[in-house]
Amino acid sequence: METQRTSYRLVLVPCPFQGHITPILQLGAILHSEDFYITVPHTNFNFPLNYPDFDFLEISDGLCEQNISSHNFIAAILGFNV
């Protein structure tokens, strides 16, 4: 008798700051190896390219490029509180 294994979909949502995308993708790779389907929402500025087994969902962060520069960190934080 053959048993059917159920696969689940996980949505991993990283914080949109430097250094948060890589650990989320590494966690996703581990979970994907355990038969989970992985979806990662991302902004225009944080688009990973080399994860063909993941589904990526582009979302708007409401920020323009000048607000996310390292010189304007406070404006970027305030932009999240829309």
PDB file of N, CA and C in Angstrom:
ATOM      1  N   MET A   1       0.843  -1.184   0.000  1.00  0.00           N
ATOM      2  CA  MET A   1       0.000   0.000   0.000  1.00  0.00           C
ATOM      3  C   MET A   1       0.885   1.243   0.000  1.00  0.00           C
ATOM      4  N   GLU A   2       0.571   2.147  -0.864  1.00  0.00           N
ATOM      5  CA  GLU A   2       1.350   3.365  -1.010  1.00  0.00           C
ATOM      6  C   GLU A   2       0.724   4.480  -0.179  1.00  0.00           C
ATOM      7  N   THR A   3       1.560   5.179   0.582  1.00  0.00           N
ATOM      8  CA  THR A   3       1.045   6.313   1.353  1.00  0.00           C
ATOM      9  C   THR A   3       1.353   7.597   0.603  1.00  0.00           C
ATOM     10  N   GLN A   4       0.412   8.509   0.660  1.00  0.00           N
ATOM     11  CA  GLN A   4       0.580   9.786  -0.029  1.00  0.00           C
ATOM     12  C   GLN A   4       1.018  10.833   0.987  1.00  0.00           C
ATOM     13  N   ARG A   5       2.080  11.527   0.681  1.00  0.00           N
ATOM     14  CA  ARG A   5       2.614  12.540   1.574  1.00  0.00           C
ATOM     15  C   ARG A   5       2.011  13.899   1.217  1.00  0.00           C
ATOM     16  N   THR A   6       1.567  14.621   2.228  1.00  0.00           N
ATOM     17  CA  THR A   6       0.979  15.938   2.017  1.00  0.00           C
ATOM     18  C   THR A   6       2.073  17.000   2.057  1.00  0.00           C
ATOM     19  N   SER A   7       2.076  17.895   1.087  1.00  0.00           N
ATOM     20  CA  SER A   7       3.012  19.018   1.081  1.00  0.00           C
ATOM     21  C   SER A   7       2.267  20.288   1.464  1.00  0.00           C
ATOM     22  N   TYR A   8       2.933  21.124   2.211  1.00  0.00           N
ATOM     23  CA  TYR A   8       2.345  22.373   2.667  1.00  0.00           C
ATOM     24  C   TYR A   8       3.073  23.546   2.042  1.00  0.00           C
ATOM     25  N   ARG A   9       2.364  24.656   1.898  1.00  0.00           N
ATOM     26  CA  ARG A   9       2.963  25.889   1.385  1.00  0.00           C
ATOM     27  C   ARG A   9       3.232  26.817   2.562  1.00  0.00           C
ATOM     28  N   LEU A  10       4.441  27.354   2.597  1.00  0.00           N
ATOM     29  CA  LEU A  10       4.824  28.332   3.605  1.00  0.00           C
ATOM     30  C   LEU A  10       5.097  29.664   2.926  1.00  0.00           C
ATOM     31  N   VAL A  11       4.668  30.732   3.554  1.00  0.00           N
ATOM     32  CA  VAL A  11       4.980  32.077   3.077  1.00  0.00           C
ATOM     33  C   VAL A  11       5.987  32.663   4.062  1.00  0.00           C
ATOM     34  N   LEU A  12       7.192  32.913   3.579  1.00  0.00           N
ATOM     35  CA  LEU A  12       8.257  33.465   4.410  1.00  0.00           C
ATOM     36  C   LEU A  12       8.394  34.943   4.079  1.00  0.00           C
ATOM     37  N   VAL A  13       8.164  35.800   5.065  1.00  0.00           N
ATOM     38  CA  VAL A  13       8.142  37.248   4.843  1.00  0.00           C
ATOM     39  C   VAL A  13       9.358  37.882   5.519  1.00  0.00           C
ATOM     40  N   PRO A  14      10.366  38.272   4.736  1.00  0.00           N
ATOM     41  CA  PRO A  14      11.540  38.913   5.329  1.00  0.00           C
ATOM     42  C   PRO A  14      11.299  40.396   5.578  1.00  0.00           C
ATOM     43  N   CYS A  15      12.001  40.932   6.552  1.00  0.00           N
ATOM     44  CA  CYS A  15      12.004  42.376   6.773  1.00  0.00           C
ATOM     45  C   CYS A  15      12.790  43.001   5.625  1.00  0.00           C
ATOM     46  N   PRO A  16      12.334  44.096   5.047  1.00  0.00           N
ATOM     47  CA  PRO A  16      12.980  44.629   3.840  1.00  0.00           C
ATOM     48  C   PRO A  16      14.246  45.448   4.101  1.00  0.00           C
ATOM     49  N   PHE A  17      15.101  44.985   4.984  1.00  0.00           N
ATOM     50  CA  PHE A  17      16.357  45.675   5.254  1.00  0.00           C
ATOM     51  C   PHE A  17      17.527  44.789   4.874  1.00  0.00           C
ATOM     52  N   GLN A  18      18.683  45.381   4.756  1.00  0.00           N
ATOM     53  CA  GLN A  18      19.883  44.649   4.365  1.00  0.00           C
ATOM     54  C   GLN A  18      20.169  43.533   5.364  1.00  0.00           C
ATOM     55  N   GLY A  19      20.424  42.343   4.848  1.00  0.00           N
ATOM     56  CA  GLY A  19      20.784  41.220   5.693  1.00  0.00           C
ATOM     57  C   GLY A  19      19.636  40.321   6.097  1.00  0.00           C
ATOM     58  N   HIS A  20      18.409  40.652   5.745  1.00  0.00           N
ATOM     59  CA  HIS A  20      17.269  39.835   6.137  1.00  0.00           C
ATOM     60  C   HIS A  20      16.832  38.860   5.057  1.00  0.00           C
ATOM     61  N   ILE A  21      17.160  39.118   3.819  1.00  0.00           N
ATOM     62  CA  ILE A  21      16.716  38.263   2.720  1.00  0.00           C
ATOM     63  C   ILE A  21      17.462  36.925   2.727  1.00  0.00           C
ATOM     64  N   THR A  22      18.782  36.964   2.867  1.00  0.00           N
ATOM     65  CA  THR A  22      19.589  35.742   2.780  1.00  0.00           C
ATOM     66  C   THR A  22      19.188  34.691   3.811  1.00  0.00           C
ATOM     67  N   PRO A  23      19.033  35.034   5.102  1.00  0.00           N
ATOM     68  CA  PRO A  23      18.620  34.002   6.063  1.00  0.00           C
ATOM     69  C   PRO A  23      17.237  33.418   5.761  1.00  0.00           C
ATOM     70  N   ILE A  24      16.314  34.245   5.274  1.00  0.00           N
ATOM     71  CA  ILE A  24      14.986  33.738   4.922  1.00  0.00           C
ATOM     72  C   ILE A  24      15.087  32.748   3.768  1.00  0.00           C
ATOM     73  N   LEU A  25      15.911  33.062   2.772  1.00  0.00           N
ATOM     74  CA  LEU A  25      16.074  32.155   1.635  1.00  0.00           C
ATOM     75  C   LEU A  25      16.782  30.870   2.047  1.00  0.00           C
ATOM     76  N   GLN A  26      17.736  30.960   2.970  1.00  0.00           N
ATOM     77  CA  GLN A  26      18.399  29.756   3.470  1.00  0.00           C
ATOM     78  C   GLN A  26      17.413  28.878   4.233  1.00  0.00           C
ATOM     79  N   LEU A  27      16.581  29.492   5.071  1.00  0.00           N
ATOM     80  CA  LEU A  27      15.543  28.741   5.777  1.00  0.00           C
ATOM     81  C   LEU A  27      14.582  28.109   4.782  1.00  0.00           C
ATOM     82  N   GLY A  28      14.207  28.864   3.761  1.00  0.00           N
ATOM     83  CA  GLY A  28      13.324  28.332   2.728  1.00  0.00           C
ATOM     84  C   GLY A  28      13.922  27.129   2.025  1.00  0.00           C
ATOM     85  N   ALA A  29      15.227  27.164   1.753  1.00  0.00           N
ATOM     86  CA  ALA A  29      15.891  26.033   1.093  1.00  0.00           C
ATOM     87  C   ALA A  29      15.844  24.787   1.971  1.00  0.00           C
ATOM     88  N   ILE A  30      16.044  24.962   3.265  1.00  0.00           N
ATOM     89  CA  ILE A  30      15.969  23.825   4.194  1.00  0.00           C
ATOM     90  C   ILE A  30      14.553  23.264   4.226  1.00  0.00           C
ATOM     91  N   LEU A  31      13.565  24.138   4.335  1.00  0.00           N
ATOM     92  CA  LEU A  31      12.174  23.684   4.385  1.00  0.00           C
ATOM     93  C   LEU A  31      11.742  23.066   3.061  1.00  0.00           C
ATOM     94  N   HIS A  32      12.225  23.609   1.949  1.00  0.00           N
ATOM     95  CA  HIS A  32      11.901  23.041   0.637  1.00  0.00           C
ATOM     96  C   HIS A  32      12.452  21.619   0.511  1.00  0.00           C
ATOM     97  N   SER A  33      13.610  21.369   1.098  1.00  0.00           N
ATOM     98  CA  SER A  33      14.179  20.016   1.062  1.00  0.00           C
ATOM     99  C   SER A  33      13.342  19.028   1.867  1.00  0.00           C
ATOM    100  N   GLU A  34      12.476  19.541   2.724  1.00  0.00           N
ATOM    101  CA  GLU A  34      11.550  18.705   3.501  1.00  0.00           C
ATOM    102  C   GLU A  34      10.156  18.696   2.874  1.00  0.00           C
ATOM    103  N   ASP A  35      10.065  19.005   1.590  1.00  0.00           N
ATOM    104  CA  ASP A  35       8.834  18.947   0.789  1.00  0.00           C
ATOM    105  C   ASP A  35       7.822  20.051   1.068  1.00  0.00           C
ATOM    106  N   PHE A  36       8.277  21.182   1.562  1.00  0.00           N
ATOM    107  CA  PHE A  36       7.400  22.338   1.688  1.00  0.00           C
ATOM    108  C   PHE A  36       7.487  23.152   0.403  1.00  0.00           C
ATOM    109  N   TYR A  37       6.372  23.751   0.002  1.00  0.00           N
ATOM    110  CA  TYR A  37       6.370  24.731  -1.075  1.00  0.00           C
ATOM    111  C   TYR A  37       6.626  26.086  -0.437  1.00  0.00           C
ATOM    112  N   ILE A  38       7.486  26.879  -1.037  1.00  0.00           N
ATOM    113  CA  ILE A  38       7.906  28.146  -0.436  1.00  0.00           C
ATOM    114  C   ILE A  38       7.471  29.313  -1.318  1.00  0.00           C
ATOM    115  N   THR A  39       6.823  30.302  -0.692  1.00  0.00           N
ATOM    116  CA  THR A  39       6.481  31.557  -1.351  1.00  0.00           C
ATOM    117  C   THR A  39       7.131  32.683  -0.561  1.00  0.00           C
ATOM    118  N   VAL A  40       7.793  33.588  -1.266  1.00  0.00           N
ATOM    119  CA  VAL A  40       8.465  34.713  -0.623  1.00  0.00           C
ATOM    120  C   VAL A  40       7.968  36.007  -1.261  1.00  0.00           C
ATOM    121  N   PRO A  41       7.232  36.843  -0.506  1.00  0.00           N
ATOM    122  CA  PRO A  41       6.893  38.160  -1.037  1.00  0.00           C
ATOM    123  C   PRO A  41       8.142  39.040  -0.994  1.00  0.00           C
ATOM    124  N   HIS A  42       8.314  39.878  -1.991  1.00  0.00           N
ATOM    125  CA  HIS A  42       9.493  40.739  -2.045  1.00  0.00           C
ATOM    126  C   HIS A  42       9.110  42.077  -2.660  1.00  0.00           C
ATOM    127  N   THR A  43       9.941  43.061  -2.379  1.00  0.00           N
ATOM    128  CA  THR A  43       9.738  44.385  -2.958  1.00  0.00           C
ATOM    129  C   THR A  43      10.571  44.513  -4.230  1.00  0.00           C
ATOM    130  N   ASN A  44      10.400  45.606  -4.920  1.00  0.00           N
ATOM    131  CA  ASN A  44      11.168  45.852  -6.142  1.00  0.00           C
ATOM    132  C   ASN A  44      12.669  45.873  -5.883  1.00  0.00           C
ATOM    133  N   PHE A  45      13.069  46.262  -4.700  1.00  0.00           N
ATOM    134  CA  PHE A  45      14.486  46.443  -4.395  1.00  0.00           C
ATOM    135  C   PHE A  45      15.134  45.184  -3.836  1.00  0.00           C
ATOM    136  N   ASN A  46      14.364  44.171  -3.503  1.00  0.00           N
ATOM    137  CA  ASN A  46      14.893  42.938  -2.919  1.00  0.00           C
ATOM    138  C   ASN A  46      14.438  41.739  -3.724  1.00  0.00           C
ATOM    139  N   PHE A  47      14.939  41.600  -4.939  1.00  0.00           N
ATOM    140  CA  PHE A  47      14.485  40.507  -5.788  1.00  0.00           C
ATOM    141  C   PHE A  47      15.570  39.452  -5.933  1.00  0.00           C
ATOM    142  N   PRO A  48      15.412  38.301  -5.279  1.00  0.00           N
ATOM    143  CA  PRO A  48      16.390  37.222  -5.410  1.00  0.00           C
ATOM    144  C   PRO A  48      16.247  36.521  -6.757  1.00  0.00           C
ATOM    145  N   LEU A  49      17.360  36.142  -7.358  1.00  0.00           N
ATOM    146  CA  LEU A  49      17.324  35.588  -8.706  1.00  0.00           C
ATOM    147  C   LEU A  49      17.580  34.085  -8.787  1.00  0.00           C
ATOM    148  N   ASN A  50      18.278  33.499  -7.848  1.00  0.00           N
ATOM    149  CA  ASN A  50      18.752  32.133  -8.031  1.00  0.00           C
ATOM    150  C   ASN A  50      18.032  31.093  -7.163  1.00  0.00           C
ATOM    151  N   TYR A  51      16.742  31.186  -7.048  1.00  0.00           N
ATOM    152  CA  TYR A  51      15.949  30.208  -6.305  1.00  0.00           C
ATOM    153  C   TYR A  51      14.785  29.741  -7.183  1.00  0.00           C
ATOM    154  N   PRO A  52      15.049  28.874  -8.154  1.00  0.00           N
ATOM    155  CA  PRO A  52      14.006  28.488  -9.114  1.00  0.00           C
ATOM    156  C   PRO A  52      12.874  27.657  -8.510  1.00  0.00           C
ATOM    157  N   ASP A  53      13.091  27.047  -7.334  1.00  0.00           N
ATOM    158  CA  ASP A  53      12.048  26.214  -6.735  1.00  0.00           C
ATOM    159  C   ASP A  53      11.084  27.002  -5.858  1.00  0.00           C
ATOM    160  N   PHE A  54      11.331  28.293  -5.681  1.00  0.00           N
ATOM    161  CA  PHE A  54      10.477  29.125  -4.847  1.00  0.00           C
ATOM    162  C   PHE A  54       9.527  29.919  -5.735  1.00  0.00           C
ATOM    163  N   ASP A  55       8.392  30.288  -5.172  1.00  0.00           N
ATOM    164  CA  ASP A  55       7.484  31.229  -5.829  1.00  0.00           C
ATOM    165  C   ASP A  55       7.727  32.596  -5.201  1.00  0.00           C
ATOM    166  N   PHE A  56       7.911  33.600  -6.034  1.00  0.00           N
ATOM    167  CA  PHE A  56       8.134  34.955  -5.541  1.00  0.00           C
ATOM    168  C   PHE A  56       6.948  35.822  -5.920  1.00  0.00           C
ATOM    169  N   LEU A  57       6.475  36.588  -4.962  1.00  0.00           N
ATOM    170  CA  LEU A  57       5.319  37.453  -5.137  1.00  0.00           C
ATOM    171  C   LEU A  57       5.783  38.890  -4.944  1.00  0.00           C
ATOM    172  N   GLU A  58       5.791  39.662  -6.016  1.00  0.00           N
ATOM    173  CA  GLU A  58       6.248  41.048  -5.922  1.00  0.00           C
ATOM    174  C   GLU A  58       5.154  41.908  -5.310  1.00  0.00           C
ATOM    175  N   ILE A  59       5.530  42.666  -4.287  1.00  0.00           N
ATOM    176  CA  ILE A  59       4.598  43.567  -3.614  1.00  0.00           C
ATOM    177  C   ILE A  59       5.197  44.973  -3.609  1.00  0.00           C
ATOM    178  N   SER A  60       4.341  45.957  -3.539  1.00  0.00           N
ATOM    179  CA  SER A  60       4.793  47.344  -3.478  1.00  0.00           C
ATOM    180  C   SER A  60       5.082  47.706  -2.028  1.00  0.00           C
ATOM    181  N   ASP A  61       6.199  48.371  -1.819  1.00  0.00           N
ATOM    182  CA  ASP A  61       6.510  48.828  -0.468  1.00  0.00           C
ATOM    183  C   ASP A  61       6.139  50.295  -0.264  1.00  0.00           C
ATOM    184  N   GLY A  62       5.699  50.952  -1.337  1.00  0.00           N
ATOM    185  CA  GLY A  62       5.276  52.337  -1.234  1.00  0.00           C
ATOM    186  C   GLY A  62       6.418  53.329  -1.103  1.00  0.00           C
ATOM    187  N   LEU A  63       7.644  52.867  -1.311  1.00  0.00           N
ATOM    188  CA  LEU A  63       8.795  53.750  -1.173  1.00  0.00           C
ATOM    189  C   LEU A  63       9.402  54.052  -2.530  1.00  0.00           C
ATOM    190  N   CYS A  64       9.952  55.237  -2.662  1.00  0.00           N
ATOM    191  CA  CYS A  64      10.705  55.543  -3.872  1.00  0.00           C
ATOM    192  C   CYS A  64      12.188  55.297  -3.581  1.00  0.00           C
ATOM    193  N   GLU A  65      12.986  55.225  -4.625  1.00  0.00           N
ATOM    194  CA  GLU A  65      14.397  54.860  -4.466  1.00  0.00           C
ATOM    195  C   GLU A  65      15.165  55.840  -3.578  1.00  0.00           C
ATOM    196  N   GLN A  66      14.828  57.116  -3.610  1.00  0.00           N
ATOM    197  CA  GLN A  66      15.553  58.084  -2.783  1.00  0.00           C
ATOM    198  C   GLN A  66      15.285  57.860  -1.300  1.00  0.00           C
ATOM    199  N   ASN A  67      14.115  57.333  -0.944  1.00  0.00           N
ATOM    200  CA  ASN A  67      13.806  57.098   0.463  1.00  0.00           C
ATOM    201  C   ASN A  67      14.512  55.882   1.036  1.00  0.00           C
ATOM    202  N   ILE A  68      14.950  54.959   0.201  1.00  0.00           N
ATOM    203  CA  ILE A  68      15.583  53.765   0.748  1.00  0.00           C
ATOM    204  C   ILE A  68      17.101  53.835   0.729  1.00  0.00           C
ATOM    205  N   SER A  69      17.657  54.961   0.347  1.00  0.00           N
ATOM    206  CA  SER A  69      19.110  55.091   0.369  1.00  0.00           C
ATOM    207  C   SER A  69      19.596  55.077   1.817  1.00  0.00           C
ATOM    208  N   SER A  70      20.848  54.696   1.999  1.00  0.00           N
ATOM    209  CA  SER A  70      21.401  54.622   3.352  1.00  0.00           C
ATOM    210  C   SER A  70      21.467  55.991   4.017  1.00  0.00           C
ATOM    211  N   HIS A  71      21.390  57.049   3.232  1.00  0.00           N
ATOM    212  CA  HIS A  71      21.442  58.399   3.786  1.00  0.00           C
ATOM    213  C   HIS A  71      20.088  58.838   4.341  1.00  0.00           C
ATOM    214  N   ASN A  72      19.053  58.122   4.018  1.00  0.00           N
ATOM    215  CA  ASN A  72      17.711  58.541   4.398  1.00  0.00           C
ATOM    216  C   ASN A  72      16.973  57.423   5.134  1.00  0.00           C
ATOM    217  N   PHE A  73      17.645  56.792   6.096  1.00  0.00           N
ATOM    218  CA  PHE A  73      17.093  55.653   6.814  1.00  0.00           C
ATOM    219  C   PHE A  73      15.808  56.014   7.567  1.00  0.00           C
ATOM    220  N   ILE A  74      15.771  57.163   8.200  1.00  0.00           N
ATOM    221  CA  ILE A  74      14.587  57.579   8.964  1.00  0.00           C
ATOM    222  C   ILE A  74      13.383  57.732   8.039  1.00  0.00           C
ATOM    223  N   ALA A  75      13.574  58.315   6.871  1.00  0.00           N
ATOM    224  CA  ALA A  75      12.467  58.454   5.915  1.00  0.00           C
ATOM    225  C   ALA A  75      11.965  57.086   5.473  1.00  0.00           C
ATOM    226  N   ALA A  76      12.874  56.126   5.325  1.00  0.00           N
ATOM    227  CA  ALA A  76      12.459  54.775   4.937  1.00  0.00           C
ATOM    228  C   ALA A  76      11.601  54.146   6.023  1.00  0.00           C
ATOM    229  N   ILE A  77      12.013  54.286   7.276  1.00  0.00           N
ATOM    230  CA  ILE A  77      11.234  53.738   8.396  1.00  0.00           C
ATOM    231  C   ILE A  77       9.867  54.412   8.466  1.00  0.00           C
ATOM    232  N   LEU A  78       9.839  55.717   8.331  1.00  0.00           N
ATOM    233  CA  LEU A  78       8.567  56.435   8.375  1.00  0.00           C
ATOM    234  C   LEU A  78       7.673  56.059   7.203  1.00  0.00           C
ATOM    235  N   GLY A  79       8.262  55.689   6.080  1.00  0.00           N
ATOM    236  CA  GLY A  79       7.490  55.270   4.916  1.00  0.00           C
ATOM    237  C   GLY A  79       6.723  53.984   5.144  1.00  0.00           C
ATOM    238  N   PHE A  80       7.199  53.147   6.070  1.00  0.00           N
ATOM    239  CA  PHE A  80       6.490  51.902   6.378  1.00  0.00           C
ATOM    240  C   PHE A  80       5.216  52.159   7.163  1.00  0.00           C
ATOM    241  N   ASN A  81       5.134  53.276   7.837  1.00  0.00           N
ATOM    242  CA  ASN A  81       3.979  53.592   8.675  1.00  0.00           C
ATOM    243  C   ASN A  81       2.923  54.340   7.885  1.00  0.00           C
ATOM    244  N   VAL A  82       2.578  53.818   6.735  1.00  0.00           N
ATOM    245  CA  VAL A  82       1.595  54.463   5.862  1.00  0.00           C
ATOM    246  C   VAL A  82       0.205  54.134   6.336  1.00  0.00           C
TER     247      VAL A  82
END
